[in-house]
């Protein structure tokens, strides 16, 4: 799921070129909010390859799409308040996803927080958390349980959607909990 117009173009062209079936999701919050100059030339971004947006050593945050902006704001405040450094990873694609990148980062930091907009139950966060727990080398380096911030497990109308998706306060609270564990 792209976080910006440039990513949307690159990932969509990669999906088309792959020849495989693909579900392409776009964060509707970015339709009118994200403005960038998108190159007119043909270019692609690698599918199933995560991007480390920010290096860190005390906590890994894994996310994709629009929640990355929420994570960035929470990280800025938490780093200032707690004197820590947080690594932020953009998955870009949720299946297949870049497990190697995530595991390597969590082995380095010892902590992981997964942030996504979909319901907490059976979401991508559950898959990432399970993969971390199942990898012996990563599991043995954990200093805190893998934590998730996601949408509540309820259905609601579009009018109340903003109350359901993760916000800066919820992400900040989980960062604090992970660091203090």
C-alpha atoms as a PDB file:
ATOM      1  CA  UNK A   1       0.000   0.000   0.000  1.00  0.00           C
ATOM      2  CA  UNK A   2       1.638   3.249  -1.090  1.00  0.00           C
ATOM      3  CA  UNK A   3       2.314   6.124   1.292  1.00  0.00           C
ATOM      4  CA  UNK A   4       2.610   8.762  -1.443  1.00  0.00           C
ATOM      5  CA  UNK A   5       1.725   9.475  -5.086  1.00  0.00           C
ATOM      6  CA  UNK A   6       5.260   8.598  -6.238  1.00  0.00           C
ATOM      7  CA  UNK A   7       5.033   5.234  -4.496  1.00  0.00           C
ATOM      8  CA  UNK A   8       1.537   4.661  -5.875  1.00  0.00           C
ATOM      9  CA  UNK A   9       2.796   5.013  -9.440  1.00  0.00           C
ATOM     10  CA  UNK A  10       5.909   2.892  -8.903  1.00  0.00           C
ATOM     11  CA  UNK A  11       4.095   0.079  -7.112  1.00  0.00           C
ATOM     12  CA  UNK A  12       1.158   0.042  -9.542  1.00  0.00           C
ATOM     13  CA  UNK A  13       3.479  -0.187 -12.554  1.00  0.00           C
ATOM     14  CA  UNK A  14       5.406  -2.988 -10.812  1.00  0.00           C
ATOM     15  CA  UNK A  15       2.165  -4.859 -10.136  1.00  0.00           C
ATOM     16  CA  UNK A  16       1.121  -4.555 -13.778  1.00  0.00           C
ATOM     17  CA  UNK A  17       4.556  -5.652 -15.022  1.00  0.00           C
ATOM     18  CA  UNK A  18       4.685  -8.660 -12.685  1.00  0.00           C
ATOM     19  CA  UNK A  19       1.993 -10.519 -14.604  1.00  0.00           C
ATOM     20  CA  UNK A  20       0.691 -12.003 -11.349  1.00  0.00           C
ATOM     21  CA  UNK A  21      -2.749 -11.316  -9.881  1.00  0.00           C
ATOM     22  CA  UNK A  22      -2.603  -8.331  -7.551  1.00  0.00           C
ATOM     23  CA  UNK A  23      -4.922  -6.418  -5.248  1.00  0.00           C
ATOM     24  CA  UNK A  24      -3.800  -2.799  -5.215  1.00  0.00           C
ATOM     25  CA  UNK A  25      -4.975  -0.800  -2.191  1.00  0.00           C
ATOM     26  CA  UNK A  26      -4.709   2.964  -1.898  1.00  0.00           C
ATOM     27  CA  UNK A  27      -5.087   4.984   1.296  1.00  0.00           C
ATOM     28  CA  UNK A  28      -8.030   7.267   0.549  1.00  0.00           C
ATOM     29  CA  UNK A  29      -6.764   9.734   3.162  1.00  0.00           C
ATOM     30  CA  UNK A  30      -3.983  10.641   0.733  1.00  0.00           C
ATOM     31  CA  UNK A  31      -6.239  11.377  -2.250  1.00  0.00           C
ATOM     32  CA  UNK A  32      -6.333  15.099  -1.564  1.00  0.00           C
ATOM     33  CA  UNK A  33      -3.702  15.403   1.154  1.00  0.00           C
ATOM     34  CA  UNK A  34      -0.537  14.134  -0.534  1.00  0.00           C
ATOM     35  CA  UNK A  35       0.824  16.422  -3.223  1.00  0.00           C
ATOM     36  CA  UNK A  36       4.102  15.682  -5.009  1.00  0.00           C
ATOM     37  CA  UNK A  37       5.598  15.977  -8.428  1.00  0.00           C
ATOM     38  CA  UNK A  38       5.301  12.490  -9.899  1.00  0.00           C
ATOM     39  CA  UNK A  39       7.845  11.773 -12.638  1.00  0.00           C
ATOM     40  CA  UNK A  40       6.318  11.164 -16.055  1.00  0.00           C
ATOM     41  CA  UNK A  41       8.991   8.624 -16.982  1.00  0.00           C
ATOM     42  CA  UNK A  42       8.328   4.931 -16.555  1.00  0.00           C
ATOM     43  CA  UNK A  43       9.691   3.591 -13.267  1.00  0.00           C
ATOM     44  CA  UNK A  44       8.882   0.793 -10.865  1.00  0.00           C
ATOM     45  CA  UNK A  45       9.452  -0.007  -7.210  1.00  0.00           C
ATOM     46  CA  UNK A  46      10.353  -3.546  -6.145  1.00  0.00           C
ATOM     47  CA  UNK A  47       7.399  -5.565  -4.889  1.00  0.00           C
ATOM     48  CA  UNK A  48       7.757  -7.364  -1.538  1.00  0.00           C
ATOM     49  CA  UNK A  49      10.767  -5.204  -0.614  1.00  0.00           C
ATOM     50  CA  UNK A  50      10.414  -3.061   2.512  1.00  0.00           C
ATOM     51  CA  UNK A  51      12.023   0.347   2.909  1.00  0.00           C
ATOM     52  CA  UNK A  52      13.706   1.497   6.104  1.00  0.00           C
ATOM     53  CA  UNK A  53      12.525   5.095   6.385  1.00  0.00           C
ATOM     54  CA  UNK A  54      14.410   5.838   9.591  1.00  0.00           C
ATOM     55  CA  UNK A  55      17.244   3.978  11.311  1.00  0.00           C
ATOM     56  CA  UNK A  56      17.015   3.308  15.043  1.00  0.00           C
ATOM     57  CA  UNK A  57      18.347   1.049  17.788  1.00  0.00           C
ATOM     58  CA  UNK A  58      15.742   0.824  20.600  1.00  0.00           C
ATOM     59  CA  UNK A  59      12.494  -0.154  18.853  1.00  0.00           C
ATOM     60  CA  UNK A  60      11.313  -1.234  15.400  1.00  0.00           C
ATOM     61  CA  UNK A  61       7.994   0.096  14.113  1.00  0.00           C
ATOM     62  CA  UNK A  62       6.546  -1.726  11.103  1.00  0.00           C
ATOM     63  CA  UNK A  63       3.748  -0.099   9.126  1.00  0.00           C
ATOM     64  CA  UNK A  64       2.538   0.719   5.622  1.00  0.00           C
ATOM     65  CA  UNK A  65       0.423   3.319   3.840  1.00  0.00           C
ATOM     66  CA  UNK A  66      -1.106   6.287   5.627  1.00  0.00           C
ATOM     67  CA  UNK A  67      -0.290   5.159   9.231  1.00  0.00           C
ATOM     68  CA  UNK A  68       3.380   5.860   8.476  1.00  0.00           C
ATOM     69  CA  UNK A  69       2.630   9.577   8.917  1.00  0.00           C
ATOM     70  CA  UNK A  70       1.020   8.872  12.296  1.00  0.00           C
ATOM     71  CA  UNK A  71       4.036   6.770  13.284  1.00  0.00           C
ATOM     72  CA  UNK A  72       6.473   9.515  12.257  1.00  0.00           C
ATOM     73  CA  UNK A  73       4.719  12.068  14.470  1.00  0.00           C
ATOM     74  CA  UNK A  74       4.636   9.663  17.440  1.00  0.00           C
ATOM     75  CA  UNK A  75       8.297   8.738  16.915  1.00  0.00           C
ATOM     76  CA  UNK A  76       9.364  12.386  16.918  1.00  0.00           C
ATOM     77  CA  UNK A  77       7.661  12.978  20.266  1.00  0.00           C
ATOM     78  CA  UNK A  78       8.809   9.685  21.846  1.00  0.00           C
ATOM     79  CA  UNK A  79      12.442  10.139  20.845  1.00  0.00           C
ATOM     80  CA  UNK A  80      12.426  13.593  22.380  1.00  0.00           C
ATOM     81  CA  UNK A  81      10.660  12.467  25.583  1.00  0.00           C
ATOM     82  CA  UNK A  82      12.553   9.212  26.204  1.00  0.00           C
ATOM     83  CA  UNK A  83      15.963   9.829  24.595  1.00  0.00           C
ATOM     84  CA  UNK A  84      15.668   6.778  22.337  1.00  0.00           C
ATOM     85  CA  UNK A  85      15.997   6.062  18.618  1.00  0.00           C
ATOM     86  CA  UNK A  86      13.271   4.215  16.727  1.00  0.00           C
ATOM     87  CA  UNK A  87      13.562   2.406  13.409  1.00  0.00           C
ATOM     88  CA  UNK A  88      10.609   2.883  11.041  1.00  0.00           C
ATOM     89  CA  UNK A  89       9.965   0.324   8.298  1.00  0.00           C
ATOM     90  CA  UNK A  90       7.511   0.770   5.425  1.00  0.00           C
ATOM     91  CA  UNK A  91       6.408  -2.705   4.291  1.00  0.00           C
ATOM     92  CA  UNK A  92       5.134  -1.296   0.950  1.00  0.00           C
ATOM     93  CA  UNK A  93       3.489  -4.649   0.146  1.00  0.00           C
ATOM     94  CA  UNK A  94       1.627  -6.859   2.621  1.00  0.00           C
ATOM     95  CA  UNK A  95       1.780 -10.144   0.724  1.00  0.00           C
ATOM     96  CA  UNK A  96       4.376 -11.181   0.111  1.00  0.00           C
ATOM     97  CA  UNK A  97       6.097  -8.964   2.641  1.00  0.00           C
ATOM     98  CA  UNK A  98       9.795  -8.459   3.385  1.00  0.00           C
ATOM     99  CA  UNK A  99      10.178 -10.763   6.378  1.00  0.00           C
ATOM    100  CA  UNK A 100      13.987 -10.684   6.210  1.00  0.00           C
ATOM    101  CA  UNK A 101      14.128  -6.898   6.622  1.00  0.00           C
ATOM    102  CA  UNK A 102      11.739  -6.945   9.589  1.00  0.00           C
ATOM    103  CA  UNK A 103      13.470  -9.847  11.366  1.00  0.00           C
ATOM    104  CA  UNK A 104      16.907  -8.248  10.940  1.00  0.00           C
ATOM    105  CA  UNK A 105      15.635  -4.969  12.390  1.00  0.00           C
ATOM    106  CA  UNK A 106      13.913  -6.620  15.362  1.00  0.00           C
ATOM    107  CA  UNK A 107      17.049  -8.650  16.097  1.00  0.00           C
ATOM    108  CA  UNK A 108      18.917  -5.328  16.273  1.00  0.00           C
ATOM    109  CA  UNK A 109      16.391  -3.419  18.425  1.00  0.00           C
ATOM    110  CA  UNK A 110      14.869  -6.209  20.546  1.00  0.00           C
ATOM    111  CA  UNK A 111      11.408  -4.649  20.359  1.00  0.00           C
ATOM    112  CA  UNK A 112       8.696  -4.373  17.713  1.00  0.00           C
ATOM    113  CA  UNK A 113       5.470  -2.429  17.270  1.00  0.00           C
ATOM    114  CA  UNK A 114       3.244  -3.056  14.244  1.00  0.00           C
ATOM    115  CA  UNK A 115       0.848  -0.272  13.224  1.00  0.00           C
ATOM    116  CA  UNK A 116      -1.930  -0.675  10.650  1.00  0.00           C
ATOM    117  CA  UNK A 117      -5.462   0.594   9.987  1.00  0.00           C
ATOM    118  CA  UNK A 118      -7.297  -2.703   9.599  1.00  0.00           C
ATOM    119  CA  UNK A 119      -8.815  -4.592  12.521  1.00  0.00           C
ATOM    120  CA  UNK A 120      -6.359  -5.873  15.101  1.00  0.00           C
ATOM    121  CA  UNK A 121      -7.815  -9.395  14.808  1.00  0.00           C
ATOM    122  CA  UNK A 122      -6.381 -11.399  11.901  1.00  0.00           C
ATOM    123  CA  UNK A 123      -4.675  -8.359  10.382  1.00  0.00           C
ATOM    124  CA  UNK A 124      -1.211  -8.001   8.912  1.00  0.00           C
ATOM    125  CA  UNK A 125       0.039  -7.099  12.394  1.00  0.00           C
ATOM    126  CA  UNK A 126      -0.871 -10.566  13.632  1.00  0.00           C
ATOM    127  CA  UNK A 127       1.080 -12.152  10.773  1.00  0.00           C
ATOM    128  CA  UNK A 128       4.157  -9.994  11.402  1.00  0.00           C
ATOM    129  CA  UNK A 129       3.997 -10.693  15.164  1.00  0.00           C
ATOM    130  CA  UNK A 130       3.622 -14.445  14.602  1.00  0.00           C
ATOM    131  CA  UNK A 131       6.551 -14.509  12.173  1.00  0.00           C
ATOM    132  CA  UNK A 132       8.771 -12.745  14.705  1.00  0.00           C
ATOM    133  CA  UNK A 133       7.739 -15.179  17.461  1.00  0.00           C
ATOM    134  CA  UNK A 134       8.323 -18.206  15.203  1.00  0.00           C
ATOM    135  CA  UNK A 135      11.848 -17.189  14.187  1.00  0.00           C
ATOM    136  CA  UNK A 136      14.082 -18.617  16.924  1.00  0.00           C
ATOM    137  CA  UNK A 137      16.963 -16.178  16.450  1.00  0.00           C
ATOM    138  CA  UNK A 138      14.629 -13.164  16.564  1.00  0.00           C
ATOM    139  CA  UNK A 139      12.469 -14.505  19.399  1.00  0.00           C
ATOM    140  CA  UNK A 140      15.495 -15.041  21.656  1.00  0.00           C
ATOM    141  CA  UNK A 141      16.557 -11.407  21.178  1.00  0.00           C
ATOM    142  CA  UNK A 142      13.187  -9.903  22.136  1.00  0.00           C
ATOM    143  CA  UNK A 143      13.273  -7.640  25.182  1.00  0.00           C
ATOM    144  CA  UNK A 144       9.501  -7.058  25.123  1.00  0.00           C
ATOM    145  CA  UNK A 145       6.486  -8.739  23.535  1.00  0.00           C
ATOM    146  CA  UNK A 146       5.637  -7.746  19.977  1.00  0.00           C
ATOM    147  CA  UNK A 147       2.887  -5.118  20.242  1.00  0.00           C
ATOM    148  CA  UNK A 148       0.243  -3.877  17.813  1.00  0.00           C
ATOM    149  CA  UNK A 149      -1.723  -0.692  17.267  1.00  0.00           C
ATOM    150  CA  UNK A 150      -4.567  -1.204  14.822  1.00  0.00           C
ATOM    151  CA  UNK A 151      -8.207  -0.498  14.197  1.00  0.00           C
ATOM    152  CA  UNK A 152     -10.614  -1.711  16.855  1.00  0.00           C
ATOM    153  CA  UNK A 153     -12.326  -5.026  16.140  1.00  0.00           C
ATOM    154  CA  UNK A 154     -15.669  -3.438  15.333  1.00  0.00           C
ATOM    155  CA  UNK A 155     -17.541  -2.477  12.205  1.00  0.00           C
ATOM    156  CA  UNK A 156     -18.598   1.119  11.769  1.00  0.00           C
ATOM    157  CA  UNK A 157     -19.800   3.572   9.228  1.00  0.00           C
ATOM    158  CA  UNK A 158     -17.554   5.891   7.283  1.00  0.00           C
ATOM    159  CA  UNK A 159     -18.570   8.846   9.454  1.00  0.00           C
ATOM    160  CA  UNK A 160     -16.874   7.342  12.531  1.00  0.00           C
ATOM    161  CA  UNK A 161     -13.858   5.827  10.795  1.00  0.00           C
ATOM    162  CA  UNK A 162     -11.473   8.459  12.154  1.00  0.00           C
ATOM    163  CA  UNK A 163     -12.214   7.257  15.706  1.00  0.00           C
ATOM    164  CA  UNK A 164     -11.251   3.703  14.792  1.00  0.00           C
ATOM    165  CA  UNK A 165      -7.894   4.051  13.065  1.00  0.00           C
ATOM    166  CA  UNK A 166      -4.651   4.493  15.048  1.00  0.00           C
ATOM    167  CA  UNK A 167      -3.755   8.038  16.046  1.00  0.00           C
ATOM    168  CA  UNK A 168      -0.557   9.610  17.371  1.00  0.00           C
ATOM    169  CA  UNK A 169      -1.615   9.215  21.028  1.00  0.00           C
ATOM    170  CA  UNK A 170      -2.274   5.471  20.685  1.00  0.00           C
ATOM    171  CA  UNK A 171       1.034   4.874  18.883  1.00  0.00           C
ATOM    172  CA  UNK A 172       2.926   7.001  21.426  1.00  0.00           C
ATOM    173  CA  UNK A 173       1.370   5.062  24.339  1.00  0.00           C
ATOM    174  CA  UNK A 174       2.455   1.725  22.829  1.00  0.00           C
ATOM    175  CA  UNK A 175       5.971   3.048  22.196  1.00  0.00           C
ATOM    176  CA  UNK A 176       6.149   4.015  25.867  1.00  0.00           C
ATOM    177  CA  UNK A 177       4.843   0.608  26.949  1.00  0.00           C
ATOM    178  CA  UNK A 178       7.367  -1.233  24.745  1.00  0.00           C
ATOM    179  CA  UNK A 179      10.313   0.840  25.976  1.00  0.00           C
ATOM    180  CA  UNK A 180       9.334   0.557  29.650  1.00  0.00           C
ATOM    181  CA  UNK A 181       8.665  -3.194  29.497  1.00  0.00           C
END
